[in-house]
Amino acid sequence: MIGYGSHEDPAKDLSDAIRKAKELAAKEGRYLSVVATVCGTEGDPQNRTATSLQLAGAGAIVLQAARFVELITKNL
C-alpha cells in the first residue's frame, strides 16, 4: 500500500526481506516464490511503477491483484 500516510519507501524494506528470504531458501536447496501487488497510483509519492520495479528487482513477481485472482481462478 503506497500513498500519502503510508511508509515513505515500503519497497526498500520489503525488497531487503525478499532477497534475504530467497537467499536462505536457496542455501537450503529450496526455491521461494514471492508474489506481490502494489496498491497505489503513479501520482503517489512512492510511485506505483517505481515501487513495482523495486520489488521485481528483488525477485518478486508483481501482479495486479485482480489479474492474479483471474489467473488463479482459471486454473481451478
PDB file of N, CA and C in Angstrom:
ATOM      1  N   MET A   1       0.854  -1.154   0.000  1.00  0.00           N
ATOM      2  CA  MET A   1       0.000   0.000   0.000  1.00  0.00           C
ATOM      3  C   MET A   1       0.908   1.227   0.000  1.00  0.00           C
ATOM      4  N   ILE A   2       0.739   2.045  -1.027  1.00  0.00           N
ATOM      5  CA  ILE A   2       1.503   3.280  -1.083  1.00  0.00           C
ATOM      6  C   ILE A   2       0.535   4.456  -1.073  1.00  0.00           C
ATOM      7  N   GLY A   3       1.080   5.638  -0.952  1.00  0.00           N
ATOM      8  CA  GLY A   3       0.253   6.833  -0.951  1.00  0.00           C
ATOM      9  C   GLY A   3       0.570   7.699   0.246  1.00  0.00           C
ATOM     10  N   TYR A   4      -0.125   8.799   0.333  1.00  0.00           N
ATOM     11  CA  TYR A   4       0.069   9.718   1.453  1.00  0.00           C
ATOM     12  C   TYR A   4      -0.358   9.029   2.737  1.00  0.00           C
ATOM     13  N   GLY A   5       0.457   9.134   3.762  1.00  0.00           N
ATOM     14  CA  GLY A   5       0.172   8.474   5.031  1.00  0.00           C
ATOM     15  C   GLY A   5       0.764   7.083   5.131  1.00  0.00           C
ATOM     16  N   SER A   6       1.318   6.580   4.034  1.00  0.00           N
ATOM     17  CA  SER A   6       1.965   5.267   4.038  1.00  0.00           C
ATOM     18  C   SER A   6       3.461   5.434   4.253  1.00  0.00           C
ATOM     19  N   HIS A   7       4.153   4.335   4.427  1.00  0.00           N
ATOM     20  CA  HIS A   7       5.605   4.345   4.572  1.00  0.00           C
ATOM     21  C   HIS A   7       6.222   5.087   3.391  1.00  0.00           C
ATOM     22  N   GLU A   8       7.258   5.878   3.635  1.00  0.00           N
ATOM     23  CA  GLU A   8       7.834   6.678   2.549  1.00  0.00           C
ATOM     24  C   GLU A   8       8.536   5.843   1.478  1.00  0.00           C
ATOM     25  N   ASP A   9       8.993   4.637   1.827  1.00  0.00           N
ATOM     26  CA  ASP A   9       9.630   3.758   0.846  1.00  0.00           C
ATOM     27  C   ASP A   9       9.432   2.299   1.264  1.00  0.00           C
ATOM     28  N   PRO A  10       8.194   1.801   1.167  1.00  0.00           N
ATOM     29  CA  PRO A  10       7.941   0.440   1.637  1.00  0.00           C
ATOM     30  C   PRO A  10       8.689  -0.616   0.829  1.00  0.00           C
ATOM     31  N   ALA A  11       8.959  -0.349  -0.421  1.00  0.00           N
ATOM     32  CA  ALA A  11       9.622  -1.342  -1.267  1.00  0.00           C
ATOM     33  C   ALA A  11      11.050  -1.614  -0.815  1.00  0.00           C
ATOM     34  N   LYS A  12      11.713  -0.647  -0.195  1.00  0.00           N
ATOM     35  CA  LYS A  12      13.093  -0.869   0.247  1.00  0.00           C
ATOM     36  C   LYS A  12      13.155  -1.966   1.302  1.00  0.00           C
ATOM     37  N   ASP A  13      12.364  -1.823   2.355  1.00  0.00           N
ATOM     38  CA  ASP A  13      12.375  -2.828   3.421  1.00  0.00           C
ATOM     39  C   ASP A  13      11.880  -4.178   2.908  1.00  0.00           C
ATOM     40  N   LEU A  14      10.825  -4.158   2.113  1.00  0.00           N
ATOM     41  CA  LEU A  14      10.301  -5.414   1.576  1.00  0.00           C
ATOM     42  C   LEU A  14      11.304  -6.079   0.639  1.00  0.00           C
ATOM     43  N   SER A  15      11.989  -5.291  -0.181  1.00  0.00           N
ATOM     44  CA  SER A  15      12.983  -5.849  -1.104  1.00  0.00           C
ATOM     45  C   SER A  15      14.128  -6.507  -0.347  1.00  0.00           C
ATOM     46  N   ASP A  16      14.577  -5.860   0.707  1.00  0.00           N
ATOM     47  CA  ASP A  16      15.638  -6.448   1.531  1.00  0.00           C
ATOM     48  C   ASP A  16      15.187  -7.787   2.112  1.00  0.00           C
ATOM     49  N   ALA A  17      13.953  -7.836   2.627  1.00  0.00           N
ATOM     50  CA  ALA A  17      13.427  -9.068   3.219  1.00  0.00           C
ATOM     51  C   ALA A  17      13.246 -10.158   2.157  1.00  0.00           C
ATOM     52  N   ILE A  18      12.801  -9.780   0.968  1.00  0.00           N
ATOM     53  CA  ILE A  18      12.617 -10.756  -0.118  1.00  0.00           C
ATOM     54  C   ILE A  18      13.960 -11.364  -0.502  1.00  0.00           C
ATOM     55  N   ARG A  19      14.960 -10.522  -0.680  1.00  0.00           N
ATOM     56  CA  ARG A  19      16.294 -11.029  -1.055  1.00  0.00           C
ATOM     57  C   ARG A  19      16.831 -12.003  -0.004  1.00  0.00           C
ATOM     58  N   LYS A  20      16.736 -11.608   1.268  1.00  0.00           N
ATOM     59  CA  LYS A  20      17.241 -12.460   2.348  1.00  0.00           C
ATOM     60  C   LYS A  20      16.498 -13.796   2.396  1.00  0.00           C
ATOM     61  N   ALA A  21      15.186 -13.754   2.266  1.00  0.00           N
ATOM     62  CA  ALA A  21      14.391 -14.989   2.321  1.00  0.00           C
ATOM     63  C   ALA A  21      14.712 -15.904   1.143  1.00  0.00           C
ATOM     64  N   LYS A  22      14.865 -15.329  -0.050  1.00  0.00           N
ATOM     65  CA  LYS A  22      15.185 -16.136  -1.227  1.00  0.00           C
ATOM     66  C   LYS A  22      16.591 -16.725  -1.119  1.00  0.00           C
ATOM     67  N   GLU A  23      17.540 -15.948  -0.574  1.00  0.00           N
ATOM     68  CA  GLU A  23      18.901 -16.455  -0.374  1.00  0.00           C
ATOM     69  C   GLU A  23      18.906 -17.611   0.625  1.00  0.00           C
ATOM     70  N   LEU A  24      18.184 -17.472   1.715  1.00  0.00           N
ATOM     71  CA  LEU A  24      18.107 -18.527   2.719  1.00  0.00           C
ATOM     72  C   LEU A  24      17.502 -19.796   2.118  1.00  0.00           C
ATOM     73  N   ALA A  25      16.430 -19.630   1.371  1.00  0.00           N
ATOM     74  CA  ALA A  25      15.801 -20.789   0.731  1.00  0.00           C
ATOM     75  C   ALA A  25      16.779 -21.480  -0.217  1.00  0.00           C
ATOM     76  N   ALA A  26      17.506 -20.705  -1.004  1.00  0.00           N
ATOM     77  CA  ALA A  26      18.462 -21.274  -1.955  1.00  0.00           C
ATOM     78  C   ALA A  26      19.573 -22.033  -1.229  1.00  0.00           C
ATOM     79  N   LYS A  27      20.050 -21.498  -0.115  1.00  0.00           N
ATOM     80  CA  LYS A  27      21.090 -22.178   0.659  1.00  0.00           C
ATOM     81  C   LYS A  27      20.600 -23.519   1.188  1.00  0.00           C
ATOM     82  N   GLU A  28      19.298 -23.610   1.411  1.00  0.00           N
ATOM     83  CA  GLU A  28      18.710 -24.850   1.919  1.00  0.00           C
ATOM     84  C   GLU A  28      18.208 -25.749   0.789  1.00  0.00           C
ATOM     85  N   GLY A  29      18.530 -25.372  -0.444  1.00  0.00           N
ATOM     86  CA  GLY A  29      18.132 -26.186  -1.589  1.00  0.00           C
ATOM     87  C   GLY A  29      16.670 -26.040  -1.984  1.00  0.00           C
ATOM     88  N   ARG A  30      16.055 -24.962  -1.540  1.00  0.00           N
ATOM     89  CA  ARG A  30      14.644 -24.734  -1.857  1.00  0.00           C
ATOM     90  C   ARG A  30      14.508 -23.529  -2.777  1.00  0.00           C
ATOM     91  N   TYR A  31      13.350 -23.387  -3.386  1.00  0.00           N
ATOM     92  CA  TYR A  31      13.031 -22.203  -4.180  1.00  0.00           C
ATOM     93  C   TYR A  31      11.852 -21.509  -3.535  1.00  0.00           C
ATOM     94  N   LEU A  32      11.940 -20.224  -3.388  1.00  0.00           N
ATOM     95  CA  LEU A  32      10.877 -19.443  -2.769  1.00  0.00           C
ATOM     96  C   LEU A  32      10.252 -18.522  -3.812  1.00  0.00           C
ATOM     97  N   SER A  33       8.965 -18.696  -4.043  1.00  0.00           N
ATOM     98  CA  SER A  33       8.225 -17.789  -4.919  1.00  0.00           C
ATOM     99  C   SER A  33       7.644 -16.673  -4.074  1.00  0.00           C
ATOM    100  N   VAL A  34       7.790 -15.453  -4.538  1.00  0.00           N
ATOM    101  CA  VAL A  34       7.232 -14.295  -3.842  1.00  0.00           C
ATOM    102  C   VAL A  34       6.346 -13.555  -4.832  1.00  0.00           C
ATOM    103  N   VAL A  35       5.087 -13.396  -4.471  1.00  0.00           N
ATOM    104  CA  VAL A  35       4.132 -12.672  -5.307  1.00  0.00           C
ATOM    105  C   VAL A  35       3.705 -11.423  -4.547  1.00  0.00           C
ATOM    106  N   ALA A  36       3.706 -10.291  -5.244  1.00  0.00           N
ATOM    107  CA  ALA A  36       3.348  -9.025  -4.613  1.00  0.00           C
ATOM    108  C   ALA A  36       2.393  -8.244  -5.503  1.00  0.00           C
ATOM    109  N   THR A  37       1.651  -7.373  -4.883  1.00  0.00           N
ATOM    110  CA  THR A  37       0.828  -6.425  -5.611  1.00  0.00           C
ATOM    111  C   THR A  37       1.025  -5.060  -4.967  1.00  0.00           C
ATOM    112  N   VAL A  38       0.963  -4.026  -5.765  1.00  0.00           N
ATOM    113  CA  VAL A  38       1.135  -2.668  -5.251  1.00  0.00           C
ATOM    114  C   VAL A  38      -0.193  -1.941  -5.412  1.00  0.00           C
ATOM    115  N   CYS A  39      -0.727  -1.487  -4.308  1.00  0.00           N
ATOM    116  CA  CYS A  39      -1.973  -0.737  -4.318  1.00  0.00           C
ATOM    117  C   CYS A  39      -1.613   0.746  -4.233  1.00  0.00           C
ATOM    118  N   GLY A  40      -1.792   1.453  -5.343  1.00  0.00           N
ATOM    119  CA  GLY A  40      -1.464   2.867  -5.377  1.00  0.00           C
ATOM    120  C   GLY A  40      -1.491   3.364  -6.802  1.00  0.00           C
ATOM    121  N   THR A  41      -1.020   4.595  -6.995  1.00  0.00           N
ATOM    122  CA  THR A  41      -1.049   5.212  -8.316  1.00  0.00           C
ATOM    123  C   THR A  41       0.318   5.796  -8.673  1.00  0.00           C
ATOM    124  N   GLU A  42       0.440   6.185  -9.920  1.00  0.00           N
ATOM    125  CA  GLU A  42       1.663   6.856 -10.375  1.00  0.00           C
ATOM    126  C   GLU A  42       1.851   8.190  -9.655  1.00  0.00           C
ATOM    127  N   GLY A  43       0.756   8.809  -9.259  1.00  0.00           N
ATOM    128  CA  GLY A  43       0.819  10.107  -8.599  1.00  0.00           C
ATOM    129  C   GLY A  43       1.161  10.061  -7.124  1.00  0.00           C
ATOM    130  N   ASP A  44       1.208   8.861  -6.544  1.00  0.00           N
ATOM    131  CA  ASP A  44       1.581   8.743  -5.130  1.00  0.00           C
ATOM    132  C   ASP A  44       3.057   9.086  -4.960  1.00  0.00           C
ATOM    133  N   PRO A  45       3.435   9.589  -3.789  1.00  0.00           N
ATOM    134  CA  PRO A  45       4.842   9.963  -3.564  1.00  0.00           C
ATOM    135  C   PRO A  45       5.825   8.823  -3.837  1.00  0.00           C
ATOM    136  N   GLN A  46       5.414   7.580  -3.588  1.00  0.00           N
ATOM    137  CA  GLN A  46       6.303   6.436  -3.791  1.00  0.00           C
ATOM    138  C   GLN A  46       6.294   5.962  -5.248  1.00  0.00           C
ATOM    139  N   ASN A  47       5.311   6.320  -6.012  1.00  0.00           N
ATOM    140  CA  ASN A  47       5.129   5.977  -7.421  1.00  0.00           C
ATOM    141  C   ASN A  47       4.936   4.483  -7.614  1.00  0.00           C
ATOM    142  N   ARG A  48       3.790   4.138  -8.180  1.00  0.00           N
ATOM    143  CA  ARG A  48       3.422   2.733  -8.363  1.00  0.00           C
ATOM    144  C   ARG A  48       4.435   1.967  -9.205  1.00  0.00           C
ATOM    145  N   THR A  49       4.864   2.526 -10.325  1.00  0.00           N
ATOM    146  CA  THR A  49       5.804   1.824 -11.197  1.00  0.00           C
ATOM    147  C   THR A  49       7.152   1.641 -10.515  1.00  0.00           C
ATOM    148  N   ALA A  50       7.662   2.685  -9.886  1.00  0.00           N
ATOM    149  CA  ALA A  50       8.961   2.594  -9.215  1.00  0.00           C
ATOM    150  C   ALA A  50       8.923   1.544  -8.103  1.00  0.00           C
ATOM    151  N   THR A  51       7.844   1.515  -7.353  1.00  0.00           N
ATOM    152  CA  THR A  51       7.698   0.535  -6.275  1.00  0.00           C
ATOM    153  C   THR A  51       7.641  -0.871  -6.840  1.00  0.00           C
ATOM    154  N   SER A  52       6.872  -1.056  -7.909  1.00  0.00           N
ATOM    155  CA  SER A  52       6.756  -2.372  -8.542  1.00  0.00           C
ATOM    156  C   SER A  52       8.100  -2.848  -9.083  1.00  0.00           C
ATOM    157  N   LEU A  53       8.832  -1.960  -9.724  1.00  0.00           N
ATOM    158  CA  LEU A  53      10.140  -2.321 -10.282  1.00  0.00           C
ATOM    159  C   LEU A  53      11.138  -2.697  -9.189  1.00  0.00           C
ATOM    160  N   GLN A  54      11.083  -1.988  -8.075  1.00  0.00           N
ATOM    161  CA  GLN A  54      11.991  -2.293  -6.972  1.00  0.00           C
ATOM    162  C   GLN A  54      11.694  -3.689  -6.404  1.00  0.00           C
ATOM    163  N   LEU A  55      10.431  -4.020  -6.252  1.00  0.00           N
ATOM    164  CA  LEU A  55      10.063  -5.347  -5.752  1.00  0.00           C
ATOM    165  C   LEU A  55      10.437  -6.436  -6.756  1.00  0.00           C
ATOM    166  N   ALA A  56      10.204  -6.169  -8.020  1.00  0.00           N
ATOM    167  CA  ALA A  56      10.561  -7.138  -9.060  1.00  0.00           C
ATOM    168  C   ALA A  56      12.072  -7.348  -9.099  1.00  0.00           C
ATOM    169  N   GLY A  57      12.820  -6.290  -8.904  1.00  0.00           N
ATOM    170  CA  GLY A  57      14.272  -6.392  -8.890  1.00  0.00           C
ATOM    171  C   GLY A  57      14.797  -7.250  -7.752  1.00  0.00           C
ATOM    172  N   ALA A  58      14.008  -7.355  -6.691  1.00  0.00           N
ATOM    173  CA  ALA A  58      14.387  -8.197  -5.550  1.00  0.00           C
ATOM    174  C   ALA A  58      13.976  -9.643  -5.760  1.00  0.00           C
ATOM    175  N   GLY A  59      13.241  -9.907  -6.839  1.00  0.00           N
ATOM    176  CA  GLY A  59      12.851 -11.279  -7.129  1.00  0.00           C
ATOM    177  C   GLY A  59      11.380 -11.590  -6.950  1.00  0.00           C
ATOM    178  N   ALA A  60      10.578 -10.572  -6.685  1.00  0.00           N
ATOM    179  CA  ALA A  60       9.140 -10.797  -6.540  1.00  0.00           C
ATOM    180  C   ALA A  60       8.459 -10.774  -7.905  1.00  0.00           C
ATOM    181  N   ILE A  61       7.398 -11.523  -8.023  1.00  0.00           N
ATOM    182  CA  ILE A  61       6.534 -11.439  -9.197  1.00  0.00           C
ATOM    183  C   ILE A  61       5.458 -10.434  -8.812  1.00  0.00           C
ATOM    184  N   VAL A  62       5.419  -9.319  -9.509  1.00  0.00           N
ATOM    185  CA  VAL A  62       4.490  -8.247  -9.159  1.00  0.00           C
ATOM    186  C   VAL A  62       3.329  -8.257 -10.151  1.00  0.00           C
ATOM    187  N   LEU A  63       2.148  -8.477  -9.613  1.00  0.00           N
ATOM    188  CA  LEU A  63       0.929  -8.530 -10.422  1.00  0.00           C
ATOM    189  C   LEU A  63      -0.127  -7.613  -9.833  1.00  0.00           C
ATOM    190  N   GLN A  64      -1.040  -7.198 -10.673  1.00  0.00           N
ATOM    191  CA  GLN A  64      -2.206  -6.501 -10.162  1.00  0.00           C
ATOM    192  C   GLN A  64      -3.073  -7.552  -9.483  1.00  0.00           C
ATOM    193  N   ALA A  65      -3.595  -7.239  -8.326  1.00  0.00           N
ATOM    194  CA  ALA A  65      -4.353  -8.222  -7.547  1.00  0.00           C
ATOM    195  C   ALA A  65      -5.503  -8.818  -8.347  1.00  0.00           C
ATOM    196  N   ALA A  66      -6.241  -8.017  -9.059  1.00  0.00           N
ATOM    197  CA  ALA A  66      -7.381  -8.523  -9.819  1.00  0.00           C
ATOM    198  C   ALA A  66      -6.920  -9.497 -10.895  1.00  0.00           C
ATOM    199  N   ARG A  67      -5.826  -9.197 -11.563  1.00  0.00           N
ATOM    200  CA  ARG A  67      -5.296 -10.074 -12.601  1.00  0.00           C
ATOM    201  C   ARG A  67      -4.825 -11.391 -11.983  1.00  0.00           C
ATOM    202  N   PHE A  68      -4.189 -11.332 -10.814  1.00  0.00           N
ATOM    203  CA  PHE A  68      -3.714 -12.514 -10.126  1.00  0.00           C
ATOM    204  C   PHE A  68      -4.882 -13.440  -9.775  1.00  0.00           C
ATOM    205  N   VAL A  69      -5.947 -12.877  -9.243  1.00  0.00           N
ATOM    206  CA  VAL A  69      -7.124 -13.669  -8.893  1.00  0.00           C
ATOM    207  C   VAL A  69      -7.704 -14.313 -10.151  1.00  0.00           C
ATOM    208  N   GLU A  70      -7.734 -13.580 -11.243  1.00  0.00           N
ATOM    209  CA  GLU A  70      -8.224 -14.129 -12.503  1.00  0.00           C
ATOM    210  C   GLU A  70      -7.391 -15.345 -12.931  1.00  0.00           C
ATOM    211  N   LEU A  71      -6.082 -15.225 -12.839  1.00  0.00           N
ATOM    212  CA  LEU A  71      -5.203 -16.337 -13.220  1.00  0.00           C
ATOM    213  C   LEU A  71      -5.425 -17.558 -12.328  1.00  0.00           C
ATOM    214  N   ILE A  72      -5.576 -17.332 -11.051  1.00  0.00           N
ATOM    215  CA  ILE A  72      -5.799 -18.439 -10.119  1.00  0.00           C
ATOM    216  C   ILE A  72      -7.120 -19.147 -10.408  1.00  0.00           C
ATOM    217  N   THR A  73      -8.172 -18.381 -10.596  1.00  0.00           N
ATOM    218  CA  THR A  73      -9.487 -18.989 -10.778  1.00  0.00           C
ATOM    219  C   THR A  73      -9.602 -19.719 -12.106  1.00  0.00           C
ATOM    220  N   LYS A  74      -8.846 -19.328 -13.104  1.00  0.00           N
ATOM    221  CA  LYS A  74      -8.867 -20.024 -14.386  1.00  0.00           C
ATOM    222  C   LYS A  74      -8.216 -21.402 -14.274  1.00  0.00           C
ATOM    223  N   ASN A  75      -7.358 -21.570 -13.292  1.00  0.00           N
ATOM    224  CA  ASN A  75      -6.632 -22.840 -13.139  1.00  0.00           C
ATOM    225  C   ASN A  75      -7.242 -23.759 -12.084  1.00  0.00           C
ATOM    226  N   LEU A  76      -8.429 -23.463 -11.634  1.00  0.00           N
ATOM    227  CA  LEU A  76      -9.080 -24.327 -10.623  1.00  0.00           C
ATOM    228  C   LEU A  76      -9.727 -25.519 -11.259  1.00  0.00           C
TER     229      LEU A  76
END
